C-alpha atoms as a PDB file:
ATOM      1  CA  UNK A   1       3.407 -16.692  -2.914  1.00  0.00           C
ATOM      2  CA  UNK A   2       3.851 -15.408  -6.458  1.00  0.00           C
ATOM      3  CA  UNK A   3       5.341 -11.894  -6.828  1.00  0.00           C
ATOM      4  CA  UNK A   4       2.204 -10.477  -8.461  1.00  0.00           C
ATOM      5  CA  UNK A   5       0.140 -11.655  -5.492  1.00  0.00           C
ATOM      6  CA  UNK A   6       2.634 -10.087  -3.101  1.00  0.00           C
ATOM      7  CA  UNK A   7       2.356  -6.828  -5.056  1.00  0.00           C
ATOM      8  CA  UNK A   8      -1.438  -6.937  -4.950  1.00  0.00           C
ATOM      9  CA  UNK A   9      -1.450  -7.638  -1.211  1.00  0.00           C
ATOM     10  CA  UNK A  10       1.017  -4.817  -0.607  1.00  0.00           C
ATOM     11  CA  UNK A  11      -1.031  -2.387  -2.699  1.00  0.00           C
ATOM     12  CA  UNK A  12      -4.161  -3.246  -0.746  1.00  0.00           C
ATOM     13  CA  UNK A  13      -2.327  -2.906   2.540  1.00  0.00           C
ATOM     14  CA  UNK A  14      -0.962   0.519   1.671  1.00  0.00           C
ATOM     15  CA  UNK A  15      -4.207   2.019   0.356  1.00  0.00           C
ATOM     16  CA  UNK A  16      -6.940   3.684   2.349  1.00  0.00           C
ATOM     17  CA  UNK A  17     -10.375   3.394   0.865  1.00  0.00           C
ATOM     18  CA  UNK A  18     -13.317   5.644   1.559  1.00  0.00           C
ATOM     19  CA  UNK A  19     -16.744   4.832   0.195  1.00  0.00           C
ATOM     20  CA  UNK A  20     -20.214   6.243   0.624  1.00  0.00           C
ATOM     21  CA  UNK A  21     -23.624   4.781  -0.066  1.00  0.00           C
ATOM     22  CA  UNK A  22     -25.094   5.540  -3.474  1.00  0.00           C
ATOM     23  CA  UNK A  23     -28.573   4.290  -2.570  1.00  0.00           C
ATOM     24  CA  UNK A  24     -30.081   7.753  -2.053  1.00  0.00           C
ATOM     25  CA  UNK A  25     -30.123   9.882  -5.214  1.00  0.00           C
ATOM     26  CA  UNK A  26     -30.544  13.070  -3.120  1.00  0.00           C
ATOM     27  CA  UNK A  27     -27.344  12.391  -1.189  1.00  0.00           C
ATOM     28  CA  UNK A  28     -24.863  15.258  -1.038  1.00  0.00           C
ATOM     29  CA  UNK A  29     -21.893  14.138  -3.144  1.00  0.00           C
ATOM     30  CA  UNK A  30     -19.737  17.221  -2.705  1.00  0.00           C
ATOM     31  CA  UNK A  31     -16.012  16.580  -2.561  1.00  0.00           C
ATOM     32  CA  UNK A  32     -14.577  17.354   0.867  1.00  0.00           C
ATOM     33  CA  UNK A  33     -11.030  17.226   2.215  1.00  0.00           C
ATOM     34  CA  UNK A  34     -10.080  14.007   3.985  1.00  0.00           C
ATOM     35  CA  UNK A  35      -7.501  13.915   6.770  1.00  0.00           C
ATOM     36  CA  UNK A  36      -6.023  10.541   7.647  1.00  0.00           C
ATOM     37  CA  UNK A  37      -5.265   9.988  11.310  1.00  0.00           C
ATOM     38  CA  UNK A  38      -2.580   7.307  11.513  1.00  0.00           C
ATOM     39  CA  UNK A  39      -0.882   6.678  14.857  1.00  0.00           C
ATOM     40  CA  UNK A  40       2.925   6.579  14.872  1.00  0.00           C
ATOM     41  CA  UNK A  41       2.763   3.034  16.281  1.00  0.00           C
ATOM     42  CA  UNK A  42       0.786   1.902  13.219  1.00  0.00           C
ATOM     43  CA  UNK A  43       3.409   3.357  10.865  1.00  0.00           C
ATOM     44  CA  UNK A  44       6.221   1.734  12.836  1.00  0.00           C
ATOM     45  CA  UNK A  45       4.374  -1.593  12.671  1.00  0.00           C
ATOM     46  CA  UNK A  46       3.828  -1.194   8.924  1.00  0.00           C
ATOM     47  CA  UNK A  47       7.535  -0.499   8.355  1.00  0.00           C
ATOM     48  CA  UNK A  48       8.436  -3.544  10.474  1.00  0.00           C
ATOM     49  CA  UNK A  49       6.070  -5.791   8.504  1.00  0.00           C
ATOM     50  CA  UNK A  50       7.406  -4.461   5.199  1.00  0.00           C
ATOM     51  CA  UNK A  51      10.976  -5.149   6.361  1.00  0.00           C
ATOM     52  CA  UNK A  52       9.938  -8.683   7.414  1.00  0.00           C
ATOM     53  CA  UNK A  53       8.598  -9.565   3.963  1.00  0.00           C
ATOM     54  CA  UNK A  54       9.361 -13.155   3.037  1.00  0.00           C
ATOM     55  CA  UNK A  55      10.337 -13.129  -0.620  1.00  0.00           C
ATOM     56  CA  UNK A  56       9.746 -15.951  -3.083  1.00  0.00           C
ATOM     57  CA  UNK A  57      12.492 -17.413  -5.241  1.00  0.00           C
ATOM     58  CA  UNK A  58      13.462 -15.331  -8.259  1.00  0.00           C
ATOM     59  CA  UNK A  59      11.076 -15.863 -11.159  1.00  0.00           C
ATOM     60  CA  UNK A  60      12.256 -17.983 -14.066  1.00  0.00           C
ATOM     61  CA  UNK A  61      10.201 -16.159 -16.723  1.00  0.00           C
ATOM     62  CA  UNK A  62       7.590 -13.394 -17.156  1.00  0.00           C
ATOM     63  CA  UNK A  63       4.662 -15.787 -16.697  1.00  0.00           C
ATOM     64  CA  UNK A  64       5.410 -15.818 -12.965  1.00  0.00           C
ATOM     65  CA  UNK A  65       4.467 -12.188 -12.403  1.00  0.00           C
ATOM     66  CA  UNK A  66       6.344  -9.017 -11.584  1.00  0.00           C
ATOM     67  CA  UNK A  67      10.151  -9.196 -11.619  1.00  0.00           C
ATOM     68  CA  UNK A  68      11.321  -9.838  -8.062  1.00  0.00           C
ATOM     69  CA  UNK A  69      14.051  -7.173  -8.152  1.00  0.00           C
ATOM     70  CA  UNK A  70      11.591  -4.448  -9.219  1.00  0.00           C
ATOM     71  CA  UNK A  71       9.102  -5.504  -6.573  1.00  0.00           C
ATOM     72  CA  UNK A  72      11.790  -5.486  -3.888  1.00  0.00           C
ATOM     73  CA  UNK A  73      12.835  -1.988  -4.989  1.00  0.00           C
ATOM     74  CA  UNK A  74       9.243  -0.765  -4.664  1.00  0.00           C
ATOM     75  CA  UNK A  75       8.821  -2.356  -1.240  1.00  0.00           C
ATOM     76  CA  UNK A  76      12.147  -0.871  -0.082  1.00  0.00           C
ATOM     77  CA  UNK A  77      10.919   2.583  -1.141  1.00  0.00           C
ATOM     78  CA  UNK A  78       7.631   2.244   0.775  1.00  0.00           C
ATOM     79  CA  UNK A  79       9.352   0.734   3.791  1.00  0.00           C
ATOM     80  CA  UNK A  80      12.355   3.048   4.123  1.00  0.00           C
ATOM     81  CA  UNK A  81      12.234   6.112   1.867  1.00  0.00           C
ATOM     82  CA  UNK A  82       8.586   7.202   1.720  1.00  0.00           C
ATOM     83  CA  UNK A  83       7.882   9.983   4.232  1.00  0.00           C
ATOM     84  CA  UNK A  84       4.444   9.070   5.559  1.00  0.00           C
ATOM     85  CA  UNK A  85       4.276  12.069   7.904  1.00  0.00           C
ATOM     86  CA  UNK A  86       5.202  14.582   5.214  1.00  0.00           C
ATOM     87  CA  UNK A  87       2.450  13.197   2.964  1.00  0.00           C
ATOM     88  CA  UNK A  88      -0.019  13.430   5.819  1.00  0.00           C
ATOM     89  CA  UNK A  89       0.829  17.129   6.315  1.00  0.00           C
ATOM     90  CA  UNK A  90       0.177  18.019   2.661  1.00  0.00           C
END
């Protein structure tokens, strides 16, 4: 898989989307706080899957997508350094 596709898949996997229907023009569209409820087991599984990433060969030029070393650095941050629980508390 090309690095840019890996990055896109990772971004999708790490994002939580919330959408509402826009069909009714009288719908209340007030902004309300959102609290994510993520079980510890899900975070442990996510970290395991991030650590198990199978990396492609190093790119030979920029036409092949994001530089592998930068992508690996980003994935390392999300997999090891990012404090998911602290973010949830804020």
